[in-house]
Every structure is written in C-alpha cells, then in structure tokens.
Amino acid sequence: MSRSYHVTVRDIRNRTRQELGEMVNDLNSLLHQFAKKSALKKH
C-alpha cells in the first residue's frame, strides 16, 4: 500500500487562526497530515 499524502500548503493557507487552533488538537486534521508529509520528505 502506498503512503501518499495529497495535502498541500494551499489546503491550509486560507484558514483562520481559530480553524488552525482546532486543527492542532485534531490528530486527523489536514495540518497533521501535512506535518507527516513534510517529515517524510526531509528524510
């Protein structure tokens, strides 16, 4: 099974501070998916 992440900066760019704050607490949010993608690309 492929580990493909289809989340981009564009998906996160136009969010309000309140929405981003809610994303921090939700482990299945776009923000966490983007963080995983970034971490994998760095290694």
PDB file of N, CA and C in Angstrom:
ATOM      1  N   MET A   1       0.840  -1.182   0.000  1.00  0.00           N
ATOM      2  CA  MET A   1       0.000   0.000   0.000  1.00  0.00           C
ATOM      3  C   MET A   1       0.883   1.243   0.000  1.00  0.00           C
ATOM      4  N   SER A   2       0.544   2.190  -0.792  1.00  0.00           N
ATOM      5  CA  SER A   2       1.314   3.409  -0.956  1.00  0.00           C
ATOM      6  C   SER A   2       1.057   4.386   0.193  1.00  0.00           C
ATOM      7  N   ARG A   3       2.108   5.093   0.589  1.00  0.00           N
ATOM      8  CA  ARG A   3       1.960   6.131   1.620  1.00  0.00           C
ATOM      9  C   ARG A   3       1.950   7.483   0.929  1.00  0.00           C
ATOM     10  N   SER A   4       0.878   7.789   0.275  1.00  0.00           N
ATOM     11  CA  SER A   4       0.763   9.010  -0.492  1.00  0.00           C
ATOM     12  C   SER A   4      -0.039  10.047   0.296  1.00  0.00           C
ATOM     13  N   TYR A   5       0.512  11.232   0.372  1.00  0.00           N
ATOM     14  CA  TYR A   5      -0.170  12.336   1.047  1.00  0.00           C
ATOM     15  C   TYR A   5      -0.540  13.378   0.004  1.00  0.00           C
ATOM     16  N   HIS A   6      -1.792  13.735  -0.061  1.00  0.00           N
ATOM     17  CA  HIS A   6      -2.269  14.678  -1.064  1.00  0.00           C
ATOM     18  C   HIS A   6      -2.628  16.023  -0.456  1.00  0.00           C
ATOM     19  N   VAL A   7      -2.016  16.352   0.655  1.00  0.00           N
ATOM     20  CA  VAL A   7      -2.267  17.625   1.316  1.00  0.00           C
ATOM     21  C   VAL A   7      -1.171  18.595   0.892  1.00  0.00           C
ATOM     22  N   THR A   8      -1.557  19.785   0.512  1.00  0.00           N
ATOM     23  CA  THR A   8      -0.593  20.805   0.100  1.00  0.00           C
ATOM     24  C   THR A   8      -0.776  22.054   0.962  1.00  0.00           C
ATOM     25  N   VAL A   9       0.126  22.977   0.792  1.00  0.00           N
ATOM     26  CA  VAL A   9       0.054  24.243   1.526  1.00  0.00           C
ATOM     27  C   VAL A   9      -1.224  24.988   1.164  1.00  0.00           C
ATOM     28  N   ARG A  10      -1.667  24.846  -0.057  1.00  0.00           N
ATOM     29  CA  ARG A  10      -2.895  25.521  -0.497  1.00  0.00           C
ATOM     30  C   ARG A  10      -4.106  25.102   0.332  1.00  0.00           C
ATOM     31  N   ASP A  11      -4.101  23.877   0.824  1.00  0.00           N
ATOM     32  CA  ASP A  11      -5.216  23.398   1.644  1.00  0.00           C
ATOM     33  C   ASP A  11      -5.251  24.074   3.011  1.00  0.00           C
ATOM     34  N   ILE A  12      -4.123  24.566   3.462  1.00  0.00           N
ATOM     35  CA  ILE A  12      -4.012  25.141   4.801  1.00  0.00           C
ATOM     36  C   ILE A  12      -3.950  26.668   4.760  1.00  0.00           C
ATOM     37  N   ARG A  13      -3.562  27.231   3.653  1.00  0.00           N
ATOM     38  CA  ARG A  13      -3.254  28.650   3.536  1.00  0.00           C
ATOM     39  C   ARG A  13      -4.377  29.585   3.959  1.00  0.00           C
ATOM     40  N   ASN A  14      -5.587  29.371   3.555  1.00  0.00           N
ATOM     41  CA  ASN A  14      -6.674  30.321   3.797  1.00  0.00           C
ATOM     42  C   ASN A  14      -7.493  30.017   5.042  1.00  0.00           C
ATOM     43  N   ARG A  15      -6.888  29.398   6.008  1.00  0.00           N
ATOM     44  CA  ARG A  15      -7.592  29.069   7.262  1.00  0.00           C
ATOM     45  C   ARG A  15      -7.427  30.207   8.267  1.00  0.00           C
ATOM     46  N   THR A  16      -8.425  30.374   9.116  1.00  0.00           N
ATOM     47  CA  THR A  16      -8.340  31.388  10.163  1.00  0.00           C
ATOM     48  C   THR A  16      -7.533  30.838  11.334  1.00  0.00           C
ATOM     49  N   ARG A  17      -7.152  31.707  12.233  1.00  0.00           N
ATOM     50  CA  ARG A  17      -6.412  31.267  13.422  1.00  0.00           C
ATOM     51  C   ARG A  17      -7.224  30.298  14.264  1.00  0.00           C
ATOM     52  N   GLN A  18      -8.515  30.529  14.333  1.00  0.00           N
ATOM     53  CA  GLN A  18      -9.383  29.643  15.112  1.00  0.00           C
ATOM     54  C   GLN A  18      -9.407  28.246  14.483  1.00  0.00           C
ATOM     55  N   GLU A  19      -9.520  28.180  13.159  1.00  0.00           N
ATOM     56  CA  GLU A  19      -9.533  26.883  12.473  1.00  0.00           C
ATOM     57  C   GLU A  19      -8.199  26.161  12.657  1.00  0.00           C
ATOM     58  N   LEU A  20      -7.102  26.898  12.570  1.00  0.00           N
ATOM     59  CA  LEU A  20      -5.788  26.282  12.768  1.00  0.00           C
ATOM     60  C   LEU A  20      -5.628  25.790  14.204  1.00  0.00           C
ATOM     61  N   GLY A  21      -6.165  26.541  15.152  1.00  0.00           N
ATOM     62  CA  GLY A  21      -6.119  26.119  16.546  1.00  0.00           C
ATOM     63  C   GLY A  21      -6.881  24.828  16.777  1.00  0.00           C
ATOM     64  N   GLU A  22      -8.005  24.690  16.101  1.00  0.00           N
ATOM     65  CA  GLU A  22      -8.780  23.455  16.208  1.00  0.00           C
ATOM     66  C   GLU A  22      -8.046  22.299  15.540  1.00  0.00           C
ATOM     67  N   MET A  23      -7.327  22.580  14.454  1.00  0.00           N
ATOM     68  CA  MET A  23      -6.574  21.542  13.750  1.00  0.00           C
ATOM     69  C   MET A  23      -5.429  20.996  14.599  1.00  0.00           C
ATOM     70  N   VAL A  24      -4.864  21.832  15.438  1.00  0.00           N
ATOM     71  CA  VAL A  24      -3.757  21.395  16.298  1.00  0.00           C
ATOM     72  C   VAL A  24      -4.222  20.296  17.242  1.00  0.00           C
ATOM     73  N   ASN A  25      -5.437  20.404  17.730  1.00  0.00           N
ATOM     74  CA  ASN A  25      -5.963  19.422  18.674  1.00  0.00           C
ATOM     75  C   ASN A  25      -6.477  18.150  18.010  1.00  0.00           C
ATOM     76  N   ASP A  26      -6.793  18.218  16.729  1.00  0.00           N
ATOM     77  CA  ASP A  26      -7.342  17.068  15.999  1.00  0.00           C
ATOM     78  C   ASP A  26      -6.207  16.325  15.295  1.00  0.00           C
ATOM     79  N   LEU A  27      -5.952  15.090  15.691  1.00  0.00           N
ATOM     80  CA  LEU A  27      -4.846  14.317  15.135  1.00  0.00           C
ATOM     81  C   LEU A  27      -5.078  13.876  13.691  1.00  0.00           C
ATOM     82  N   ASN A  28      -6.305  13.935  13.200  1.00  0.00           N
ATOM     83  CA  ASN A  28      -6.605  13.540  11.827  1.00  0.00           C
ATOM     84  C   ASN A  28      -6.816  14.737  10.904  1.00  0.00           C
ATOM     85  N   SER A  29      -6.374  15.899  11.319  1.00  0.00           N
ATOM     86  CA  SER A  29      -6.609  17.106  10.534  1.00  0.00           C
ATOM     87  C   SER A  29      -5.612  17.234   9.379  1.00  0.00           C
ATOM     88  N   LEU A  30      -5.908  18.158   8.487  1.00  0.00           N
ATOM     89  CA  LEU A  30      -5.012  18.429   7.357  1.00  0.00           C
ATOM     90  C   LEU A  30      -3.645  18.905   7.832  1.00  0.00           C
ATOM     91  N   LEU A  31      -3.623  19.642   8.919  1.00  0.00           N
ATOM     92  CA  LEU A  31      -2.369  20.160   9.446  1.00  0.00           C
ATOM     93  C   LEU A  31      -1.431  19.032   9.857  1.00  0.00           C
ATOM     94  N   HIS A  32      -1.946  18.030  10.519  1.00  0.00           N
ATOM     95  CA  HIS A  32      -1.125  16.891  10.940  1.00  0.00           C
ATOM     96  C   HIS A  32      -0.710  16.041   9.747  1.00  0.00           C
ATOM     97  N   GLN A  33      -1.582  15.902   8.766  1.00  0.00           N
ATOM     98  CA  GLN A  33      -1.222  15.160   7.559  1.00  0.00           C
ATOM     99  C   GLN A  33      -0.093  15.866   6.821  1.00  0.00           C
ATOM    100  N   PHE A  34      -0.149  17.197   6.755  1.00  0.00           N
ATOM    101  CA  PHE A  34       0.903  17.968   6.097  1.00  0.00           C
ATOM    102  C   PHE A  34       2.220  17.860   6.863  1.00  0.00           C
ATOM    103  N   ALA A  35       2.146  17.833   8.180  1.00  0.00           N
ATOM    104  CA  ALA A  35       3.351  17.685   9.001  1.00  0.00           C
ATOM    105  C   ALA A  35       4.005  16.340   8.753  1.00  0.00           C
ATOM    106  N   LYS A  36       3.214  15.273   8.642  1.00  0.00           N
ATOM    107  CA  LYS A  36       3.753  13.938   8.359  1.00  0.00           C
ATOM    108  C   LYS A  36       4.416  13.924   6.979  1.00  0.00           C
ATOM    109  N   LYS A  37       3.762  14.550   6.010  1.00  0.00           N
ATOM    110  CA  LYS A  37       4.307  14.600   4.657  1.00  0.00           C
ATOM    111  C   LYS A  37       5.646  15.335   4.651  1.00  0.00           C
ATOM    112  N   SER A  38       5.722  16.452   5.344  1.00  0.00           N
ATOM    113  CA  SER A  38       6.960  17.232   5.402  1.00  0.00           C
ATOM    114  C   SER A  38       8.076  16.455   6.079  1.00  0.00           C
ATOM    115  N   ALA A  39       7.751  15.750   7.134  1.00  0.00           N
ATOM    116  CA  ALA A  39       8.756  14.967   7.862  1.00  0.00           C
ATOM    117  C   ALA A  39       9.301  13.837   6.991  1.00  0.00           C
ATOM    118  N   LEU A  40       8.436  13.182   6.246  1.00  0.00           N
ATOM    119  CA  LEU A  40       8.886  12.108   5.377  1.00  0.00           C
ATOM    120  C   LEU A  40       9.760  12.616   4.233  1.00  0.00           C
ATOM    121  N   LYS A  41       9.438  13.786   3.706  1.00  0.00           N
ATOM    122  CA  LYS A  41      10.217  14.341   2.614  1.00  0.00           C
ATOM    123  C   LYS A  41      11.609  14.791   3.059  1.00  0.00           C
ATOM    124  N   LYS A  42      11.745  15.186   4.315  1.00  0.00           N
ATOM    125  CA  LYS A  42      13.047  15.634   4.824  1.00  0.00           C
ATOM    126  C   LYS A  42      14.005  14.486   5.033  1.00  0.00           C
ATOM    127  N   HIS A  43      13.495  13.281   5.209  1.00  0.00           N
ATOM    128  CA  HIS A  43      14.379  12.137   5.469  1.00  0.00           C
ATOM    129  C   HIS A  43      14.582  11.345   4.242  1.00  0.00           C
TER     130      HIS A  43
END
